[in-house]
Protein backbone atom coordinates (compact mmCIF):
# COMPACT_ATOMS: atom_id res chain seq x y z
CA MET A 1 -1.08 9.48 -3.60
CA LYS A 2 -0.92 6.79 -6.28
CA ILE A 3 0.74 7.84 -9.55
CA VAL A 4 0.84 5.47 -12.52
CA VAL A 5 3.75 5.72 -14.96
CA LEU A 6 2.32 4.39 -18.23
CA GLY A 7 5.24 3.97 -20.55
CA ASP A 8 7.78 1.86 -22.39
CA SER A 9 11.27 0.57 -21.53
CA LEU A 10 12.41 4.07 -20.52
CA SER A 11 10.05 4.00 -17.57
CA ALA A 12 9.99 0.22 -17.11
CA GLY A 13 13.70 0.32 -16.30
CA TYR A 14 15.07 -1.85 -19.10
CA GLY A 15 18.48 -3.23 -18.13
CA LEU A 16 18.28 -1.78 -14.61
CA ASN A 17 17.59 -3.08 -11.13
CA VAL A 18 14.07 -2.25 -9.90
CA GLN A 19 15.37 0.41 -7.50
CA ASP A 20 17.16 2.16 -10.39
CA ALA A 21 14.10 2.39 -12.67
CA PHE A 22 12.49 5.79 -13.21
CA PRO A 23 9.37 5.20 -11.04
CA SER A 24 11.46 3.97 -8.08
CA LYS A 25 13.96 6.83 -8.28
CA LEU A 26 11.15 9.36 -8.76
CA GLN A 27 9.33 8.02 -5.68
CA ALA A 28 12.57 8.30 -3.65
CA ALA A 29 13.14 11.87 -4.85
CA LEU A 30 9.57 12.83 -3.95
CA LYS A 31 9.89 11.20 -0.52
CA ALA A 32 13.07 13.25 0.11
CA LYS A 33 10.97 16.36 -0.59
CA GLY A 34 8.24 15.26 1.84
CA TYR A 35 5.72 13.77 -0.60
CA ALA A 36 4.01 10.50 0.26
CA THR A 37 3.53 8.84 -3.12
CA GLU A 38 3.25 5.35 -4.49
CA MET A 39 4.58 5.11 -8.00
CA ILE A 40 3.08 2.29 -10.07
CA ASN A 41 5.46 1.14 -12.79
CA ALA A 42 3.22 0.41 -15.77
CA GLY A 43 6.12 0.52 -18.21
CA VAL A 44 6.46 -2.29 -20.75
CA SER A 45 9.67 -2.63 -22.73
CA GLY A 46 9.10 -2.38 -26.47
CA ASP A 47 5.64 -0.88 -26.08
CA THR A 48 4.23 1.57 -28.60
CA ALA A 49 1.53 4.16 -27.98
CA THR A 50 -0.98 1.70 -29.46
CA GLY A 51 0.21 -1.00 -27.03
CA GLY A 52 -0.21 1.43 -24.14
CA LEU A 53 -3.75 2.19 -25.28
CA GLU A 54 -4.59 -1.52 -25.49
CA ARG A 55 -3.52 -2.12 -21.89
CA PHE A 56 -4.69 1.18 -20.40
CA ASP A 57 -7.75 -0.19 -18.59
CA TRP A 58 -5.81 -2.80 -16.62
CA SER A 59 -2.63 -0.74 -16.25
CA VAL A 60 -4.26 2.26 -14.59
CA PRO A 61 -6.17 1.01 -11.53
CA PRO A 62 -9.42 2.66 -10.41
CA ASP A 63 -7.72 4.15 -7.33
CA ALA A 64 -5.02 5.97 -9.31
CA ASP A 65 -4.69 9.68 -8.46
CA ALA A 66 -2.61 10.78 -11.46
CA VAL A 67 -0.82 9.47 -14.57
CA ILE A 68 2.58 10.13 -16.12
CA LEU A 69 2.27 9.20 -19.80
CA GLU A 70 5.61 8.31 -21.42
CA LEU A 71 5.06 6.60 -24.77
CA GLY A 72 6.14 7.09 -28.38
CA ALA A 73 9.88 6.35 -28.46
CA ASN A 74 9.34 2.89 -29.97
CA ASP A 75 6.89 4.33 -32.49
CA ALA A 76 9.60 6.67 -33.79
CA LEU A 77 12.28 3.98 -33.78
CA ARG A 78 10.02 1.70 -35.83
CA GLY A 79 8.88 4.44 -38.19
CA VAL A 80 5.23 4.13 -37.17
CA SER A 81 3.20 6.86 -38.82
CA PRO A 82 2.92 9.89 -36.50
CA ASP A 83 -0.82 9.83 -37.29
CA VAL A 84 -1.11 6.35 -35.73
CA THR A 85 0.94 7.38 -32.67
CA ARG A 86 -1.03 10.59 -32.27
CA ALA A 87 -4.38 8.76 -32.49
CA ALA A 88 -3.30 6.28 -29.78
CA LEU A 89 -1.98 9.03 -27.46
CA GLU A 90 -5.17 11.02 -28.07
CA GLN A 91 -7.30 8.03 -27.05
CA ILE A 92 -5.21 7.44 -23.92
CA LEU A 93 -5.52 11.11 -22.94
CA THR A 94 -9.28 10.97 -23.58
CA LYS A 95 -9.56 7.94 -21.25
CA ILE A 96 -7.54 9.80 -18.60
CA ASP A 97 -9.77 12.88 -19.03
CA ALA A 98 -12.90 10.71 -18.65
CA ARG A 99 -11.58 9.51 -15.30
CA LYS A 100 -10.83 13.12 -14.28
CA LEU A 101 -7.20 12.27 -13.55
CA PRO A 102 -4.45 14.86 -13.89
CA VAL A 103 -1.78 13.80 -16.37
CA LEU A 104 1.82 14.69 -17.12
CA LEU A 105 2.61 14.07 -20.78
CA ALA A 106 6.31 13.33 -21.32
CA GLY A 107 7.28 14.23 -24.86
CA MET A 108 9.65 12.35 -27.11
CA LYS A 109 11.75 13.46 -30.08
CA SER A 110 12.02 11.58 -33.34
CA PRO A 111 15.46 10.41 -34.43
CA PRO A 112 16.71 12.78 -37.16
CA ASN A 113 17.28 9.90 -39.59
CA MET A 114 13.50 9.61 -40.07
CA GLY A 115 13.60 12.68 -42.32
CA PRO A 116 12.47 16.27 -41.77
CA ASP A 117 8.77 15.72 -42.54
CA TYR A 118 8.46 12.78 -40.14
CA VAL A 119 10.45 14.60 -37.43
CA ALA A 120 8.35 17.77 -37.72
CA LYS A 121 5.06 15.87 -37.53
CA PHE A 122 6.18 13.54 -34.73
CA ASP A 123 7.78 16.20 -32.53
CA ALA A 124 4.80 18.59 -32.89
CA MET A 125 2.17 16.13 -31.66
CA TYR A 126 3.22 16.19 -27.99
CA PRO A 127 2.84 19.92 -27.27
CA GLU A 128 -0.36 19.99 -29.36
CA LEU A 129 -1.91 17.08 -27.44
CA ALA A 130 -0.82 18.49 -24.07
CA LYS A 131 -2.47 21.82 -24.89
CA LYS A 132 -5.66 20.19 -26.20
CA HIS A 133 -6.07 18.00 -23.09
CA GLY A 134 -4.81 20.46 -20.48
CA ALA A 135 -1.97 18.09 -19.59
CA ILE A 136 1.11 19.15 -17.71
CA PHE A 137 3.84 18.95 -20.33
CA TYR A 138 7.47 17.90 -20.14
CA PRO A 139 8.90 18.42 -23.65
CA PHE A 140 11.52 15.65 -23.87
CA PHE A 141 11.72 12.73 -21.45
CA LEU A 142 15.40 12.10 -22.29
CA ASP A 143 16.45 15.76 -22.04
CA GLY A 144 20.12 15.93 -21.02
CA VAL A 145 20.48 12.15 -21.35
CA ALA A 146 19.91 11.29 -25.03
CA ALA A 147 23.15 10.71 -26.96
CA ASN A 148 25.27 11.09 -23.79
CA GLY A 149 27.39 7.94 -23.55
CA GLN A 150 28.09 8.57 -19.85
CA LEU A 151 24.38 8.48 -19.01
CA ASN A 152 23.26 5.56 -21.16
CA GLN A 153 23.69 1.82 -21.17
CA ARG A 154 25.84 0.18 -23.85
CA ASP A 155 22.95 0.20 -26.34
CA GLY A 156 23.11 4.01 -26.35
CA MET A 157 19.32 4.26 -26.02
CA HIS A 158 18.41 3.31 -22.46
CA PRO A 159 19.53 5.41 -19.50
CA ASN A 160 21.85 3.93 -16.89
CA PRO A 161 21.20 4.72 -13.17
CA GLN A 162 23.00 8.07 -13.49
CA GLY A 163 20.90 8.89 -16.56
CA VAL A 164 17.72 8.10 -14.64
CA ASP A 165 18.92 10.50 -11.91
CA VAL A 166 19.18 13.27 -14.52
CA ILE A 167 15.68 12.50 -15.86
CA VAL A 168 14.21 12.55 -12.33
CA LYS A 169 15.96 15.84 -11.46
CA ASN A 170 14.77 17.48 -14.69
CA ILE A 171 11.14 16.30 -14.58
CA LEU A 172 10.63 16.83 -10.83
CA PRO A 173 9.08 20.34 -11.09
CA GLN A 174 6.40 19.04 -13.46
CA VAL A 175 5.75 16.02 -11.20
CA GLU A 176 5.31 18.38 -8.24
CA GLU A 177 2.83 20.34 -10.36
CA LEU A 178 1.05 17.05 -11.14
CA ILE A 179 0.79 16.23 -7.42
CA ALA A 180 -0.60 19.70 -6.66
CA LYS A 181 -3.18 19.27 -9.42
CA ALA A 182 -4.12 15.80 -8.10
CA LYS A 183 -4.59 17.20 -4.59
CA ALA A 184 -6.78 20.03 -5.93
CA THR A 185 -8.82 17.52 -7.98
CA ALA A 186 -9.31 15.31 -4.91
CA LYS A 187 -10.52 18.29 -2.82
CA ALA A 188 -12.89 19.46 -5.58
CA GLY A 189 -14.26 15.90 -6.07
């Protein structure tokens, strides 16, 4: 099963060795549970949701079985309008739907310094889009890792190898659900 991780530096593995990046560690965790998967790391450091949309067609190969969508952190850090981020994520999800691929949408939280209106609008878009597109939803990609100095690199924003381990452990149930959905889709197709 080929799963594409379409994301930013958090999935690309910024500052980490390839084997410590999220897709590599996720593939190893799945293998330990008996799943034969090939994780495609389509993470690009610094990418926004709009950047992910622009490269979707060449980042998600025709033989992909499922997608993990992890974008939006850079949008929030740069203060990009949540409307712009939402529109890009919506278009990506529509492209995924058109290809009849199951998708896991990894949510992101806005930094609190963006103000309550921005935070409310930004944080609400992920569950709303997941519901609208029937995506498997993981509420916060950095759950248990954000703001934990022991689990992040010196920049305080990118997980270290131990932080990636926490992300993989936390998101694994949703990834297993994604795999089950991909298998069911393949049988139905």
